[in-house]
N, C-alpha and C. Protein backbone atom coordinates (compact mmCIF):
# COMPACT_ATOMS: atom_id res chain seq x y z
N MET A 1 11.31 7.03 86.84
CA MET A 1 12.56 7.57 86.34
C MET A 1 12.56 7.53 84.83
N GLY A 2 12.91 8.63 84.22
CA GLY A 2 13.04 8.66 82.78
C GLY A 2 14.40 8.13 82.35
N LYS A 3 14.60 8.01 81.05
CA LYS A 3 15.86 7.46 80.55
C LYS A 3 17.07 8.28 81.00
N MET A 4 16.93 9.60 80.95
CA MET A 4 18.05 10.45 81.36
C MET A 4 18.33 10.28 82.84
N GLU A 5 17.28 10.20 83.64
CA GLU A 5 17.48 10.01 85.07
C GLU A 5 18.12 8.65 85.35
N ASN A 6 17.70 7.62 84.62
CA ASN A 6 18.31 6.30 84.77
C ASN A 6 19.79 6.35 84.47
N LYS A 7 20.13 7.04 83.38
CA LYS A 7 21.53 7.15 82.99
C LYS A 7 22.33 7.86 84.07
N ARG A 8 21.78 8.93 84.60
CA ARG A 8 22.47 9.69 85.67
C ARG A 8 22.64 8.83 86.92
N TRP A 9 21.59 8.07 87.29
CA TRP A 9 21.66 7.22 88.48
C TRP A 9 22.75 6.16 88.31
N LEU A 10 22.78 5.53 87.16
CA LEU A 10 23.79 4.50 86.90
C LEU A 10 25.20 5.11 86.89
N GLN A 11 25.33 6.30 86.35
CA GLN A 11 26.64 6.97 86.37
C GLN A 11 27.07 7.27 87.80
N GLU A 12 26.13 7.72 88.63
CA GLU A 12 26.45 7.99 90.03
C GLU A 12 26.84 6.71 90.75
N PHE A 13 26.11 5.63 90.49
CA PHE A 13 26.46 4.35 91.10
C PHE A 13 27.88 3.95 90.70
N ASP A 14 28.17 4.00 89.41
CA ASP A 14 29.49 3.61 88.92
C ASP A 14 30.60 4.47 89.52
N ALA A 15 30.33 5.75 89.66
CA ALA A 15 31.34 6.68 90.16
C ALA A 15 31.58 6.57 91.66
N THR A 16 30.59 6.07 92.41
CA THR A 16 30.71 6.08 93.88
C THR A 16 30.72 4.70 94.53
N LYS A 17 30.45 3.64 93.79
CA LYS A 17 30.32 2.31 94.40
C LYS A 17 31.56 1.89 95.19
N HIS A 18 32.73 2.33 94.75
CA HIS A 18 33.96 1.99 95.47
C HIS A 18 33.99 2.57 96.88
N THR A 19 33.20 3.62 97.13
CA THR A 19 33.21 4.25 98.45
C THR A 19 32.37 3.49 99.47
N PHE A 20 31.41 2.67 99.01
CA PHE A 20 30.56 1.95 99.97
C PHE A 20 30.64 0.43 99.83
N LYS A 21 31.39 -0.07 98.89
CA LYS A 21 31.52 -1.54 98.74
C LYS A 21 32.05 -2.15 100.03
N TRP A 22 32.93 -1.45 100.73
CA TRP A 22 33.57 -1.99 101.92
C TRP A 22 32.56 -2.46 102.96
N PHE A 23 31.47 -1.73 103.16
CA PHE A 23 30.56 -2.17 104.21
C PHE A 23 29.69 -3.34 103.78
N PHE A 24 29.50 -3.54 102.50
CA PHE A 24 28.85 -4.76 102.03
C PHE A 24 29.71 -5.97 102.41
N ILE A 25 31.01 -5.84 102.13
CA ILE A 25 31.93 -6.95 102.38
C ILE A 25 32.16 -7.14 103.88
N GLU A 26 32.42 -6.06 104.59
CA GLU A 26 32.73 -6.15 106.03
C GLU A 26 31.57 -6.68 106.86
N TYR A 27 30.34 -6.41 106.45
CA TYR A 27 29.18 -6.83 107.23
C TYR A 27 28.48 -8.05 106.63
N GLY A 28 29.18 -8.77 105.75
CA GLY A 28 28.68 -10.06 105.28
C GLY A 28 27.64 -10.02 104.17
N PHE A 29 27.62 -8.95 103.41
CA PHE A 29 26.67 -8.84 102.31
C PHE A 29 27.37 -9.09 100.96
N ASP A 30 28.24 -10.10 100.94
CA ASP A 30 28.98 -10.42 99.72
C ASP A 30 28.04 -10.83 98.59
N ASP A 31 27.06 -11.66 98.90
CA ASP A 31 26.11 -12.09 97.87
C ASP A 31 25.32 -10.91 97.33
N GLU A 32 24.92 -10.02 98.23
CA GLU A 32 24.17 -8.84 97.80
C GLU A 32 25.02 -7.97 96.88
N TRP A 33 26.31 -7.88 97.16
CA TRP A 33 27.19 -7.10 96.28
C TRP A 33 27.25 -7.74 94.90
N LYS A 34 27.34 -9.07 94.87
CA LYS A 34 27.36 -9.77 93.58
C LYS A 34 26.06 -9.52 92.81
N TRP A 35 24.94 -9.55 93.53
CA TRP A 35 23.66 -9.26 92.87
C TRP A 35 23.64 -7.85 92.31
N LEU A 36 24.16 -6.90 93.09
CA LEU A 36 24.23 -5.51 92.61
C LEU A 36 25.02 -5.43 91.30
N GLU A 37 26.15 -6.10 91.28
CA GLU A 37 26.99 -6.10 90.07
C GLU A 37 26.25 -6.74 88.89
N GLU A 38 25.54 -7.82 89.15
CA GLU A 38 24.77 -8.47 88.08
C GLU A 38 23.65 -7.58 87.57
N TYR A 39 22.91 -6.99 88.50
CA TYR A 39 21.81 -6.10 88.11
C TYR A 39 22.35 -4.86 87.39
N ARG A 40 23.52 -4.39 87.83
CA ARG A 40 24.12 -3.21 87.16
C ARG A 40 24.45 -3.54 85.72
N ALA A 41 24.98 -4.73 85.48
CA ALA A 41 25.35 -5.14 84.13
C ALA A 41 24.13 -5.16 83.20
N LYS A 42 22.94 -5.35 83.80
CA LYS A 42 21.70 -5.40 83.02
C LYS A 42 20.89 -4.10 83.13
N ASN A 43 21.47 -3.08 83.79
CA ASN A 43 20.80 -1.78 84.00
C ASN A 43 19.47 -1.92 84.73
N GLN A 44 19.39 -2.84 85.67
CA GLN A 44 18.15 -3.09 86.42
C GLN A 44 18.17 -2.29 87.73
N ILE A 45 17.90 -1.02 87.60
CA ILE A 45 17.97 -0.09 88.73
C ILE A 45 16.99 -0.47 89.83
N GLY A 46 15.78 -0.84 89.48
CA GLY A 46 14.79 -1.21 90.49
C GLY A 46 15.28 -2.34 91.38
N LYS A 47 15.87 -3.35 90.78
CA LYS A 47 16.40 -4.48 91.56
C LYS A 47 17.60 -4.06 92.38
N MET A 48 18.41 -3.16 91.84
CA MET A 48 19.56 -2.65 92.58
C MET A 48 19.10 -1.92 93.84
N LYS A 49 18.07 -1.11 93.68
CA LYS A 49 17.56 -0.36 94.83
C LYS A 49 16.96 -1.28 95.90
N VAL A 50 16.32 -2.34 95.47
CA VAL A 50 15.76 -3.30 96.43
C VAL A 50 16.90 -3.90 97.26
N VAL A 51 17.96 -4.33 96.60
CA VAL A 51 19.11 -4.90 97.30
C VAL A 51 19.70 -3.88 98.26
N MET A 52 19.90 -2.66 97.78
CA MET A 52 20.51 -1.63 98.60
C MET A 52 19.64 -1.28 99.81
N ASN A 53 18.34 -1.20 99.61
CA ASN A 53 17.44 -0.90 100.73
C ASN A 53 17.43 -2.03 101.75
N ASN A 54 17.48 -3.27 101.29
CA ASN A 54 17.53 -4.40 102.21
C ASN A 54 18.80 -4.37 103.05
N VAL A 55 19.91 -4.06 102.43
CA VAL A 55 21.17 -3.95 103.16
C VAL A 55 21.10 -2.79 104.15
N TRP A 56 20.55 -1.68 103.72
CA TRP A 56 20.43 -0.50 104.59
C TRP A 56 19.73 -0.86 105.89
N PHE A 57 18.64 -1.61 105.81
CA PHE A 57 17.88 -1.96 107.01
C PHE A 57 18.60 -2.98 107.89
N GLU A 58 19.56 -3.70 107.34
CA GLU A 58 20.28 -4.72 108.11
C GLU A 58 21.57 -4.20 108.75
N LEU A 59 22.08 -3.08 108.28
CA LEU A 59 23.31 -2.54 108.83
C LEU A 59 23.08 -2.04 110.26
N PRO A 60 24.09 -2.13 111.11
CA PRO A 60 23.93 -1.67 112.50
C PRO A 60 23.68 -0.17 112.59
N ASP A 61 22.58 0.19 113.22
CA ASP A 61 22.19 1.60 113.34
C ASP A 61 23.23 2.46 114.05
N ASP A 62 23.94 1.89 115.00
CA ASP A 62 24.89 2.69 115.76
C ASP A 62 26.15 3.04 114.95
N LYS A 63 26.36 2.35 113.83
CA LYS A 63 27.54 2.64 113.01
C LYS A 63 27.21 3.31 111.69
N PHE A 64 25.95 3.21 111.28
CA PHE A 64 25.53 3.77 110.00
C PHE A 64 24.33 4.69 110.23
N ASN A 65 24.64 5.96 110.44
CA ASN A 65 23.59 6.94 110.68
C ASN A 65 24.09 8.33 110.29
N VAL A 66 23.23 9.29 110.45
CA VAL A 66 23.55 10.66 110.04
C VAL A 66 24.68 11.25 110.87
N ASN A 67 24.78 10.83 112.11
CA ASN A 67 25.81 11.39 112.98
C ASN A 67 27.19 10.80 112.75
N THR A 68 27.28 9.49 112.52
CA THR A 68 28.59 8.87 112.35
C THR A 68 29.12 8.98 110.93
N ARG A 69 28.26 8.89 109.95
CA ARG A 69 28.61 9.06 108.54
C ARG A 69 29.91 8.36 108.13
N PRO A 70 29.94 7.04 108.16
CA PRO A 70 31.16 6.35 107.72
C PRO A 70 31.42 6.58 106.23
N ASN A 71 32.62 6.30 105.82
CA ASN A 71 33.02 6.49 104.42
C ASN A 71 32.02 5.82 103.48
N GLY A 72 31.54 6.57 102.52
CA GLY A 72 30.63 6.07 101.51
C GLY A 72 29.16 6.12 101.87
N TRP A 73 28.84 6.41 103.12
CA TRP A 73 27.46 6.38 103.58
C TRP A 73 26.59 7.39 102.84
N GLU A 74 27.09 8.61 102.68
CA GLU A 74 26.29 9.63 102.00
C GLU A 74 26.07 9.27 100.53
N ASN A 75 27.07 8.69 99.89
CA ASN A 75 26.90 8.25 98.49
C ASN A 75 25.85 7.15 98.41
N PHE A 76 25.93 6.21 99.33
CA PHE A 76 24.97 5.10 99.37
C PHE A 76 23.55 5.62 99.58
N LEU A 77 23.38 6.51 100.54
CA LEU A 77 22.06 7.06 100.81
C LEU A 77 21.51 7.85 99.63
N SER A 78 22.39 8.59 98.98
CA SER A 78 21.96 9.36 97.81
C SER A 78 21.34 8.46 96.75
N LEU A 79 21.93 7.30 96.55
CA LEU A 79 21.42 6.36 95.56
C LEU A 79 20.14 5.68 96.02
N THR A 80 20.05 5.34 97.29
CA THR A 80 18.86 4.65 97.76
C THR A 80 17.67 5.59 97.85
N GLU A 81 17.92 6.87 98.08
CA GLU A 81 16.84 7.82 98.24
C GLU A 81 16.43 8.49 96.93
N ASP A 82 17.21 8.30 95.88
CA ASP A 82 16.93 8.93 94.58
C ASP A 82 15.76 8.24 93.90
């Protein structure tokens, strides 16, 4: 990722994080959310993506998938896949 892409990714995270924070909290990933906030403060995108990917793999498949699309899921996926 170049500097401009990093800036865009961080802007997207900041603009959409409120849409997916709920599932971090509801499914017990409070510490991971705190880490995300800490890494965001330091612009550490690589570490943010590691946390997000780890959470993605731990979320229940029957509630978080392409068919059910809970609130914030598409925003979350956009960031993890970018």
